[in-house]
Amino acid sequence: MKKFTVATLAASGLAAAILGLAVPADAVPTGPGNAQDTVNALEAQGYQVIVNRLGSTPLDQATVVAVRPGQTYSRSDSGAPGAGNDLITTVTGKTVYIDVR
């Protein structure tokens, strides 16, 4: 029974990690640019951006080292306009962490 529980937990964790990492990957701007451009683009897409600096370089001269997913906040209710009797889930906020150097 213990082996089954461990395998189930491992599979669940792996699936959550894959799904969680897929969301910000689509949101990250591609091409040349600096960290400030990346922050601006992510904020324009509705993300709350939390910057982790590695050093003291200004954002307009820094480069992005990593982008990691943060918490997504949502609510579900049936009171949304046009929902009828259906339950509608609305994303109310989403966070992404970026590491810059």
PDB file of N, CA and C in Angstrom:
ATOM      1  N   MET A   1       0.820  -1.185   0.000  1.00  0.00           N
ATOM      2  CA  MET A   1       0.000   0.000   0.000  1.00  0.00           C
ATOM      3  C   MET A   1       0.870   1.258   0.000  1.00  0.00           C
ATOM      4  N   LYS A   2       2.005   1.214   0.739  1.00  0.00           N
ATOM      5  CA  LYS A   2       2.890   2.358   0.797  1.00  0.00           C
ATOM      6  C   LYS A   2       3.465   2.690  -0.571  1.00  0.00           C
ATOM      7  N   LYS A   3       3.842   1.656  -1.335  1.00  0.00           N
ATOM      8  CA  LYS A   3       4.426   1.881  -2.656  1.00  0.00           C
ATOM      9  C   LYS A   3       3.415   2.555  -3.582  1.00  0.00           C
ATOM     10  N   PHE A   4       2.154   2.124  -3.500  1.00  0.00           N
ATOM     11  CA  PHE A   4       1.111   2.714  -4.332  1.00  0.00           C
ATOM     12  C   PHE A   4       0.924   4.192  -3.985  1.00  0.00           C
ATOM     13  N   THR A   5       0.925   4.523  -2.696  1.00  0.00           N
ATOM     14  CA  THR A   5       0.750   5.904  -2.251  1.00  0.00           C
ATOM     15  C   THR A   5       1.911   6.772  -2.727  1.00  0.00           C
ATOM     16  N   VAL A   6       3.120   6.276  -2.589  1.00  0.00           N
ATOM     17  CA  VAL A   6       4.299   7.030  -3.026  1.00  0.00           C
ATOM     18  C   VAL A   6       4.266   7.240  -4.539  1.00  0.00           C
ATOM     19  N   ALA A   7       3.913   6.217  -5.291  1.00  0.00           N
ATOM     20  CA  ALA A   7       3.845   6.340  -6.746  1.00  0.00           C
ATOM     21  C   ALA A   7       2.771   7.336  -7.164  1.00  0.00           C
ATOM     22  N   THR A   8       1.629   7.302  -6.483  1.00  0.00           N
ATOM     23  CA  THR A   8       0.550   8.238  -6.794  1.00  0.00           C
ATOM     24  C   THR A   8       0.971   9.669  -6.503  1.00  0.00           C
ATOM     25  N   LEU A   9       1.608   9.891  -5.361  1.00  0.00           N
ATOM     26  CA  LEU A   9       2.074  11.231  -5.016  1.00  0.00           C
ATOM     27  C   LEU A   9       3.135  11.726  -5.999  1.00  0.00           C
ATOM     28  N   ALA A  10       4.038  10.856  -6.392  1.00  0.00           N
ATOM     29  CA  ALA A  10       5.080  11.241  -7.340  1.00  0.00           C
ATOM     30  C   ALA A  10       4.479  11.605  -8.692  1.00  0.00           C
ATOM     31  N   ALA A  11       3.534  10.815  -9.167  1.00  0.00           N
ATOM     32  CA  ALA A  11       2.896  11.098 -10.454  1.00  0.00           C
ATOM     33  C   ALA A  11       2.104  12.394 -10.397  1.00  0.00           C
ATOM     34  N   SER A  12       1.415  12.636  -9.300  1.00  0.00           N
ATOM     35  CA  SER A  12       0.642  13.868  -9.146  1.00  0.00           C
ATOM     36  C   SER A  12       1.562  15.083  -9.127  1.00  0.00           C
ATOM     37  N   GLY A  13       2.658  14.969  -8.396  1.00  0.00           N
ATOM     38  CA  GLY A  13       3.613  16.073  -8.330  1.00  0.00           C
ATOM     39  C   GLY A  13       4.242  16.375  -9.674  1.00  0.00           C
ATOM     40  N   LEU A  14       4.579  15.357 -10.424  1.00  0.00           N
ATOM     41  CA  LEU A  14       5.165  15.539 -11.739  1.00  0.00           C
ATOM     42  C   LEU A  14       4.176  16.201 -12.686  1.00  0.00           C
ATOM     43  N   ALA A  15       2.938  15.756 -12.669  1.00  0.00           N
ATOM     44  CA  ALA A  15       1.912  16.350 -13.533  1.00  0.00           C
ATOM     45  C   ALA A  15       1.683  17.816 -13.173  1.00  0.00           C
ATOM     46  N   ALA A  16       1.636  18.131 -11.888  1.00  0.00           N
ATOM     47  CA  ALA A  16       1.439  19.516 -11.458  1.00  0.00           C
ATOM     48  C   ALA A  16       2.615  20.387 -11.880  1.00  0.00           C
ATOM     49  N   ALA A  17       3.826  19.854 -11.768  1.00  0.00           N
ATOM     50  CA  ALA A  17       5.011  20.617 -12.169  1.00  0.00           C
ATOM     51  C   ALA A  17       5.005  20.908 -13.660  1.00  0.00           C
ATOM     52  N   ILE A  18       4.636  19.931 -14.456  1.00  0.00           N
ATOM     53  CA  ILE A  18       4.605  20.126 -15.910  1.00  0.00           C
ATOM     54  C   ILE A  18       3.561  21.169 -16.285  1.00  0.00           C
ATOM     55  N   LEU A  19       2.382  21.063 -15.719  1.00  0.00           N
ATOM     56  CA  LEU A  19       1.324  22.023 -16.023  1.00  0.00           C
ATOM     57  C   LEU A  19       1.655  23.411 -15.496  1.00  0.00           C
ATOM     58  N   GLY A  20       2.227  23.490 -14.320  1.00  0.00           N
ATOM     59  CA  GLY A  20       2.565  24.776 -13.731  1.00  0.00           C
ATOM     60  C   GLY A  20       3.646  25.505 -14.497  1.00  0.00           C
ATOM     61  N   LEU A  21       4.599  24.794 -15.048  1.00  0.00           N
ATOM     62  CA  LEU A  21       5.681  25.429 -15.792  1.00  0.00           C
ATOM     63  C   LEU A  21       5.259  25.799 -17.204  1.00  0.00           C
ATOM     64  N   ALA A  22       4.221  25.198 -17.725  1.00  0.00           N
ATOM     65  CA  ALA A  22       3.804  25.473 -19.098  1.00  0.00           C
ATOM     66  C   ALA A  22       3.163  26.842 -19.237  1.00  0.00           C
ATOM     67  N   VAL A  23       2.486  27.335 -18.236  1.00  0.00           N
ATOM     68  CA  VAL A  23       1.753  28.589 -18.347  1.00  0.00           C
ATOM     69  C   VAL A  23       2.682  29.788 -18.571  1.00  0.00           C
ATOM     70  N   PRO A  24       3.684  30.062 -17.715  1.00  0.00           N
ATOM     71  CA  PRO A  24       4.515  31.224 -17.931  1.00  0.00           C
ATOM     72  C   PRO A  24       5.396  31.111 -19.178  1.00  0.00           C
ATOM     73  N   ALA A  25       5.694  29.908 -19.626  1.00  0.00           N
ATOM     74  CA  ALA A  25       6.533  29.771 -20.806  1.00  0.00           C
ATOM     75  C   ALA A  25       5.882  30.424 -22.012  1.00  0.00           C
ATOM     76  N   ASP A  26       4.572  30.360 -22.121  1.00  0.00           N
ATOM     77  CA  ASP A  26       3.878  31.006 -23.223  1.00  0.00           C
ATOM     78  C   ASP A  26       3.875  32.517 -23.071  1.00  0.00           C
ATOM     79  N   ALA A  27       3.960  33.007 -21.863  1.00  0.00           N
ATOM     80  CA  ALA A  27       3.842  34.428 -21.604  1.00  0.00           C
ATOM     81  C   ALA A  27       5.153  35.181 -21.760  1.00  0.00           C
ATOM     82  N   VAL A  28       6.276  34.481 -21.756  1.00  0.00           N
ATOM     83  CA  VAL A  28       7.575  35.136 -21.802  1.00  0.00           C
ATOM     84  C   VAL A  28       7.846  35.675 -23.197  1.00  0.00           C
ATOM     85  N   PRO A  29       8.184  36.975 -23.283  1.00  0.00           N
ATOM     86  CA  PRO A  29       8.517  37.550 -24.581  1.00  0.00           C
ATOM     87  C   PRO A  29       9.765  36.898 -25.154  1.00  0.00           C
ATOM     88  N   THR A  30       9.818  36.780 -26.454  1.00  0.00           N
ATOM     89  CA  THR A  30      10.989  36.193 -27.095  1.00  0.00           C
ATOM     90  C   THR A  30      11.738  37.275 -27.861  1.00  0.00           C
ATOM     91  N   GLY A  31      12.978  36.980 -28.195  1.00  0.00           N
ATOM     92  CA  GLY A  31      13.780  37.920 -28.961  1.00  0.00           C
ATOM     93  C   GLY A  31      14.642  38.772 -28.055  1.00  0.00           C
ATOM     94  N   PRO A  32      15.427  39.677 -28.676  1.00  0.00           N
ATOM     95  CA  PRO A  32      16.324  40.514 -27.892  1.00  0.00           C
ATOM     96  C   PRO A  32      15.547  41.513 -27.052  1.00  0.00           C
ATOM     97  N   GLY A  33      16.131  41.887 -25.969  1.00  0.00           N
ATOM     98  CA  GLY A  33      15.510  42.849 -25.077  1.00  0.00           C
ATOM     99  C   GLY A  33      16.140  42.756 -23.712  1.00  0.00           C
ATOM    100  N   ASN A  34      15.775  43.685 -22.867  1.00  0.00           N
ATOM    101  CA  ASN A  34      16.325  43.678 -21.525  1.00  0.00           C
ATOM    102  C   ASN A  34      15.258  43.243 -20.533  1.00  0.00           C
ATOM    103  N   ALA A  35      15.620  43.180 -19.279  1.00  0.00           N
ATOM    104  CA  ALA A  35      14.710  42.714 -18.243  1.00  0.00           C
ATOM    105  C   ALA A  35      13.505  43.642 -18.105  1.00  0.00           C
ATOM    106  N   GLN A  36      13.705  44.937 -18.291  1.00  0.00           N
ATOM    107  CA  GLN A  36      12.598  45.885 -18.185  1.00  0.00           C
ATOM    108  C   GLN A  36      11.552  45.617 -19.268  1.00  0.00           C
ATOM    109  N   ASP A  37      12.000  45.290 -20.481  1.00  0.00           N
ATOM    110  CA  ASP A  37      11.072  44.949 -21.561  1.00  0.00           C
ATOM    111  C   ASP A  37      10.255  43.710 -21.208  1.00  0.00           C
ATOM    112  N   THR A  38      10.900  42.729 -20.597  1.00  0.00           N
ATOM    113  CA  THR A  38      10.213  41.499 -20.192  1.00  0.00           C
ATOM    114  C   THR A  38       9.181  41.787 -19.117  1.00  0.00           C
ATOM    115  N   VAL A  39       9.553  42.592 -18.129  1.00  0.00           N
ATOM    116  CA  VAL A  39       8.616  42.965 -17.063  1.00  0.00           C
ATOM    117  C   VAL A  39       7.414  43.686 -17.658  1.00  0.00           C
ATOM    118  N   ASN A  40       7.662  44.650 -18.540  1.00  0.00           N
ATOM    119  CA  ASN A  40       6.568  45.406 -19.158  1.00  0.00           C
ATOM    120  C   ASN A  40       5.639  44.497 -19.954  1.00  0.00           C
ATOM    121  N   ALA A  41       6.201  43.561 -20.711  1.00  0.00           N
ATOM    122  CA  ALA A  41       5.388  42.656 -21.526  1.00  0.00           C
ATOM    123  C   ALA A  41       4.538  41.735 -20.646  1.00  0.00           C
ATOM    124  N   LEU A  42       5.114  41.216 -19.576  1.00  0.00           N
ATOM    125  CA  LEU A  42       4.359  40.342 -18.677  1.00  0.00           C
ATOM    126  C   LEU A  42       3.254  41.110 -17.953  1.00  0.00           C
ATOM    127  N   GLU A  43       3.543  42.325 -17.522  1.00  0.00           N
ATOM    128  CA  GLU A  43       2.515  43.136 -16.869  1.00  0.00           C
ATOM    129  C   GLU A  43       1.389  43.479 -17.840  1.00  0.00           C
ATOM    130  N   ALA A  44       1.724  43.711 -19.107  1.00  0.00           N
ATOM    131  CA  ALA A  44       0.705  43.994 -20.120  1.00  0.00           C
ATOM    132  C   ALA A  44      -0.206  42.791 -20.341  1.00  0.00           C
ATOM    133  N   GLN A  45       0.299  41.587 -20.069  1.00  0.00           N
ATOM    134  CA  GLN A  45      -0.498  40.370 -20.206  1.00  0.00           C
ATOM    135  C   GLN A  45      -1.293  40.063 -18.939  1.00  0.00           C
ATOM    136  N   GLY A  46      -1.201  40.946 -17.938  1.00  0.00           N
ATOM    137  CA  GLY A  46      -1.995  40.785 -16.729  1.00  0.00           C
ATOM    138  C   GLY A  46      -1.294  40.113 -15.563  1.00  0.00           C
ATOM    139  N   TYR A  47      -0.009  39.841 -15.684  1.00  0.00           N
ATOM    140  CA  TYR A  47       0.731  39.210 -14.598  1.00  0.00           C
ATOM    141  C   TYR A  47       1.189  40.242 -13.580  1.00  0.00           C
ATOM    142  N   GLN A  48       1.209  39.849 -12.304  1.00  0.00           N
ATOM    143  CA  GLN A  48       1.913  40.610 -11.288  1.00  0.00           C
ATOM    144  C   GLN A  48       3.325  40.039 -11.305  1.00  0.00           C
ATOM    145  N   VAL A  49       4.313  40.868 -11.575  1.00  0.00           N
ATOM    146  CA  VAL A  49       5.684  40.404 -11.745  1.00  0.00           C
ATOM    147  C   VAL A  49       6.486  40.684 -10.487  1.00  0.00           C
ATOM    148  N   ILE A  50       7.138  39.653  -9.967  1.00  0.00           N
ATOM    149  CA  ILE A  50       8.029  39.794  -8.821  1.00  0.00           C
ATOM    150  C   ILE A  50       9.436  39.532  -9.318  1.00  0.00           C
ATOM    151  N   VAL A  51      10.308  40.526  -9.170  1.00  0.00           N
ATOM    152  CA  VAL A  51      11.669  40.467  -9.702  1.00  0.00           C
ATOM    153  C   VAL A  51      12.636  40.086  -8.586  1.00  0.00           C
ATOM    154  N   ASN A  52      13.456  39.059  -8.849  1.00  0.00           N
ATOM    155  CA  ASN A  52      14.553  38.665  -7.960  1.00  0.00           C
ATOM    156  C   ASN A  52      15.842  39.086  -8.645  1.00  0.00           C
ATOM    157  N   ARG A  53      16.545  40.027  -8.043  1.00  0.00           N
ATOM    158  CA  ARG A  53      17.775  40.543  -8.659  1.00  0.00           C
ATOM    159  C   ARG A  53      18.991  39.772  -8.170  1.00  0.00           C
ATOM    160  N   LEU A  54      19.867  39.469  -9.097  1.00  0.00           N
ATOM    161  CA  LEU A  54      21.167  38.883  -8.788  1.00  0.00           C
ATOM    162  C   LEU A  54      22.191  39.953  -9.150  1.00  0.00           C
ATOM    163  N   GLY A  55      22.475  40.845  -8.219  1.00  0.00           N
ATOM    164  CA  GLY A  55      23.355  41.969  -8.472  1.00  0.00           C
ATOM    165  C   GLY A  55      22.575  43.264  -8.394  1.00  0.00           C
ATOM    166  N   SER A  56      23.223  44.369  -8.779  1.00  0.00           N
ATOM    167  CA  SER A  56      22.587  45.683  -8.667  1.00  0.00           C
ATOM    168  C   SER A  56      22.409  46.370 -10.009  1.00  0.00           C
ATOM    169  N   THR A  57      22.503  45.620 -11.098  1.00  0.00           N
ATOM    170  CA  THR A  57      22.349  46.187 -12.436  1.00  0.00           C
ATOM    171  C   THR A  57      20.927  46.712 -12.616  1.00  0.00           C
ATOM    172  N   PRO A  58      20.748  47.916 -13.160  1.00  0.00           N
ATOM    173  CA  PRO A  58      19.399  48.420 -13.427  1.00  0.00           C
ATOM    174  C   PRO A  58      18.654  47.483 -14.387  1.00  0.00           C
ATOM    175  N   LEU A  59      17.330  47.437 -14.258  1.00  0.00           N
ATOM    176  CA  LEU A  59      16.529  46.521 -15.076  1.00  0.00           C
ATOM    177  C   LEU A  59      16.701  46.765 -16.569  1.00  0.00           C
ATOM    178  N   ASP A  60      16.880  48.015 -16.976  1.00  0.00           N
ATOM    179  CA  ASP A  60      17.006  48.282 -18.410  1.00  0.00           C
ATOM    180  C   ASP A  60      18.352  47.831 -18.983  1.00  0.00           C
ATOM    181  N   GLN A  61      19.274  47.402 -18.105  1.00  0.00           N
ATOM    182  CA  GLN A  61      20.562  46.871 -18.563  1.00  0.00           C
ATOM    183  C   GLN A  61      20.745  45.406 -18.183  1.00  0.00           C
ATOM    184  N   ALA A  62      19.801  44.853 -17.445  1.00  0.00           N
ATOM    185  CA  ALA A  62      19.911  43.474 -16.956  1.00  0.00           C
ATOM    186  C   ALA A  62      19.311  42.494 -17.956  1.00  0.00           C
ATOM    187  N   THR A  63      19.671  41.236 -17.803  1.00  0.00           N
ATOM    188  CA  THR A  63      19.103  40.172 -18.629  1.00  0.00           C
ATOM    189  C   THR A  63      18.306  39.218 -17.741  1.00  0.00           C
ATOM    190  N   VAL A  64      17.311  38.585 -18.337  1.00  0.00           N
ATOM    191  CA  VAL A  64      16.476  37.639 -17.607  1.00  0.00           C
ATOM    192  C   VAL A  64      17.179  36.291 -17.569  1.00  0.00           C
ATOM    193  N   VAL A  65      17.332  35.735 -16.378  1.00  0.00           N
ATOM    194  CA  VAL A  65      17.977  34.447 -16.190  1.00  0.00           C
ATOM    195  C   VAL A  65      16.938  33.326 -16.145  1.00  0.00           C
ATOM    196  N   ALA A  66      15.797  33.590 -15.479  1.00  0.00           N
ATOM    197  CA  ALA A  66      14.765  32.559 -15.335  1.00  0.00           C
ATOM    198  C   ALA A  66      13.405  33.216 -15.143  1.00  0.00           C
ATOM    199  N   VAL A  67      12.381  32.500 -15.576  1.00  0.00           N
ATOM    200  CA  VAL A  67      10.992  32.892 -15.347  1.00  0.00           C
ATOM    201  C   VAL A  67      10.297  31.703 -14.707  1.00  0.00           C
ATOM    202  N   ARG A  68       9.669  31.949 -13.542  1.00  0.00           N
ATOM    203  CA  ARG A  68       9.020  30.859 -12.812  1.00  0.00           C
ATOM    204  C   ARG A  68       7.569  31.208 -12.520  1.00  0.00           C
ATOM    205  N   PRO A  69       6.708  30.208 -12.538  1.00  0.00           N
ATOM    206  CA  PRO A  69       5.288  30.484 -12.269  1.00  0.00           C
ATOM    207  C   PRO A  69       5.046  30.821 -10.808  1.00  0.00           C
ATOM    208  N   GLY A  70       4.056  31.625 -10.586  1.00  0.00           N
ATOM    209  CA  GLY A  70       3.628  31.949  -9.240  1.00  0.00           C
ATOM    210  C   GLY A  70       2.188  31.502  -9.047  1.00  0.00           C
ATOM    211  N   GLN A  71       1.552  32.053  -8.051  1.00  0.00           N
ATOM    212  CA  GLN A  71       0.181  31.684  -7.718  1.00  0.00           C
ATOM    213  C   GLN A  71      -0.805  32.297  -8.717  1.00  0.00           C
ATOM    214  N   THR A  72      -1.824  31.536  -9.085  1.00  0.00           N
ATOM    215  CA  THR A  72      -2.934  32.045  -9.875  1.00  0.00           C
ATOM    216  C   THR A  72      -4.161  32.038  -8.987  1.00  0.00           C
ATOM    217  N   TYR A  73      -4.839  33.162  -8.936  1.00  0.00           N
ATOM    218  CA  TYR A  73      -6.023  33.290  -8.107  1.00  0.00           C
ATOM    219  C   TYR A  73      -7.258  33.303  -9.005  1.00  0.00           C
ATOM    220  N   SER A  74      -8.266  32.545  -8.621  1.00  0.00           N
ATOM    221  CA  SER A  74      -9.500  32.499  -9.399  1.00  0.00           C
ATOM    222  C   SER A  74     -10.688  32.345  -8.471  1.00  0.00           C
ATOM    223  N   ARG A  75     -11.853  32.582  -9.024  1.00  0.00           N
ATOM    224  CA  ARG A  75     -13.080  32.358  -8.271  1.00  0.00           C
ATOM    225  C   ARG A  75     -14.092  31.705  -9.190  1.00  0.00           C
ATOM    226  N   SER A  76     -14.943  30.899  -8.621  1.00  0.00           N
ATOM    227  CA  SER A  76     -15.989  30.215  -9.375  1.00  0.00           C
ATOM    228  C   SER A  76     -17.340  30.600  -8.793  1.00  0.00           C
ATOM    229  N   ASP A  77     -18.256  31.031  -9.673  1.00  0.00           N
ATOM    230  CA  ASP A  77     -19.606  31.323  -9.221  1.00  0.00           C
ATOM    231  C   ASP A  77     -20.590  31.218 -10.374  1.00  0.00           C
ATOM    232  N   SER A  78     -21.839  31.207 -10.046  1.00  0.00           N
ATOM    233  CA  SER A  78     -22.884  31.107 -11.067  1.00  0.00           C
ATOM    234  C   SER A  78     -23.566  32.448 -11.273  1.00  0.00           C
ATOM    235  N   GLY A  79     -23.049  33.490 -10.662  1.00  0.00           N
ATOM    236  CA  GLY A  79     -23.665  34.807 -10.778  1.00  0.00           C
ATOM    237  C   GLY A  79     -23.087  35.659 -11.896  1.00  0.00           C
ATOM    238  N   ALA A  80     -22.222  35.101 -12.715  1.00  0.00           N
ATOM    239  CA  ALA A  80     -21.632  35.867 -13.812  1.00  0.00           C
ATOM    240  C   ALA A  80     -22.690  36.130 -14.876  1.00  0.00           C
ATOM    241  N   PRO A  81     -22.650  37.302 -15.516  1.00  0.00           N
ATOM    242  CA  PRO A  81     -23.623  37.601 -16.557  1.00  0.00           C
ATOM    243  C   PRO A  81     -23.569  36.561 -17.678  1.00  0.00           C
ATOM    244  N   GLY A  82     -24.705  36.058 -18.071  1.00  0.00           N
ATOM    245  CA  GLY A  82     -24.785  35.078 -19.144  1.00  0.00           C
ATOM    246  C   GLY A  82     -24.470  33.662 -18.729  1.00  0.00           C
ATOM    247  N   ALA A  83     -24.199  33.428 -17.446  1.00  0.00           N
ATOM    248  CA  ALA A  83     -23.817  32.098 -16.991  1.00  0.00           C
ATOM    249  C   ALA A  83     -25.006  31.152 -16.902  1.00  0.00           C
ATOM    250  N   GLY A  84     -26.186  31.704 -16.697  1.00  0.00           N
ATOM    251  CA  GLY A  84     -27.345  30.834 -16.518  1.00  0.00           C
ATOM    252  C   GLY A  84     -27.156  29.984 -15.276  1.00  0.00           C
ATOM    253  N   ASN A  85     -27.317  28.688 -15.420  1.00  0.00           N
ATOM    254  CA  ASN A  85     -27.113  27.772 -14.296  1.00  0.00           C
ATOM    255  C   ASN A  85     -25.707  27.197 -14.258  1.00  0.00           C
ATOM    256  N   ASP A  86     -24.839  27.619 -15.173  1.00  0.00           N
ATOM    257  CA  ASP A  86     -23.478  27.092 -15.244  1.00  0.00           C
ATOM    258  C   ASP A  86     -22.575  27.769 -14.216  1.00  0.00           C
ATOM    259  N   LEU A  87     -21.581  27.042 -13.779  1.00  0.00           N
ATOM    260  CA  LEU A  87     -20.574  27.563 -12.871  1.00  0.00           C
ATOM    261  C   LEU A  87     -19.429  28.115 -13.713  1.00  0.00           C
ATOM    262  N   ILE A  88     -19.113  29.393 -13.549  1.00  0.00           N
ATOM    263  CA  ILE A  88     -18.082  30.058 -14.331  1.00  0.00           C
ATOM    264  C   ILE A  88     -16.877  30.332 -13.434  1.00  0.00           C
ATOM    265  N   THR A  89     -15.673  29.977 -13.916  1.00  0.00           N
ATOM    266  CA  THR A  89     -14.434  30.261 -13.196  1.00  0.00           C
ATOM    267  C   THR A  89     -13.752  31.454 -13.849  1.00  0.00           C
ATOM    268  N   THR A  90     -13.420  32.444 -13.038  1.00  0.00           N
ATOM    269  CA  THR A  90     -12.785  33.659 -13.519  1.00  0.00           C
ATOM    270  C   THR A  90     -11.430  33.819 -12.845  1.00  0.00           C
ATOM    271  N   VAL A  91     -10.370  34.033 -13.621  1.00  0.00           N
ATOM    272  CA  VAL A  91      -9.047  34.289 -13.060  1.00  0.00           C
ATOM    273  C   VAL A  91      -9.022  35.734 -12.593  1.00  0.00           C
ATOM    274  N   THR A  92      -8.708  35.934 -11.318  1.00  0.00           N
ATOM    275  CA  THR A  92      -8.695  37.283 -10.757  1.00  0.00           C
ATOM    276  C   THR A  92      -7.282  37.845 -10.606  1.00  0.00           C
ATOM    277  N   GLY A  93      -6.284  37.004 -10.664  1.00  0.00           N
ATOM    278  CA  GLY A  93      -4.909  37.462 -10.557  1.00  0.00           C
ATOM    279  C   GLY A  93      -3.937  36.338 -10.848  1.00  0.00           C
ATOM    280  N   LYS A  94      -2.789  36.700 -11.407  1.00  0.00           N
ATOM    281  CA  LYS A  94      -1.758  35.701 -11.676  1.00  0.00           C
ATOM    282  C   LYS A  94      -0.393  36.332 -11.457  1.00  0.00           C
ATOM    283  N   THR A  95       0.504  35.545 -10.913  1.00  0.00           N
ATOM    284  CA  THR A  95       1.827  36.028 -10.528  1.00  0.00           C
ATOM    285  C   THR A  95       2.898  35.239 -11.263  1.00  0.00           C
ATOM    286  N   VAL A  96       4.000  35.908 -11.595  1.00  0.00           N
ATOM    287  CA  VAL A  96       5.157  35.249 -12.196  1.00  0.00           C
ATOM    288  C   VAL A  96       6.409  35.849 -11.541  1.00  0.00           C
ATOM    289  N   TYR A  97       7.406  35.008 -11.312  1.00  0.00           N
ATOM    290  CA  TYR A  97       8.686  35.436 -10.732  1.00  0.00           C
ATOM    291  C   TYR A  97       9.729  35.436 -11.833  1.00  0.00           C
ATOM    292  N   ILE A  98      10.528  36.490 -11.920  1.00  0.00           N
ATOM    293  CA  ILE A  98      11.647  36.492 -12.857  1.00  0.00           C
ATOM    294  C   ILE A  98      12.933  36.774 -12.110  1.00  0.00           C
ATOM    295  N   ASP A  99      13.983  36.075 -12.503  1.00  0.00           N
ATOM    296  CA  ASP A  99      15.324  36.288 -11.954  1.00  0.00           C
ATOM    297  C   ASP A  99      16.113  37.068 -13.000  1.00  0.00           C
ATOM    298  N   VAL A 100      16.746  38.153 -12.588  1.00  0.00           N
ATOM    299  CA  VAL A 100      17.523  38.974 -13.516  1.00  0.00           C
ATOM    300  C   VAL A 100      18.948  39.121 -13.019  1.00  0.00           C
ATOM    301  N   ARG A 101      19.860  39.293 -13.950  1.00  0.00           N
ATOM    302  CA  ARG A 101      21.268  39.477 -13.630  1.00  0.00           C
ATOM    303  C   ARG A 101      21.809  40.612 -14.463  1.00  0.00           C
TER     304      ARG A 101
END
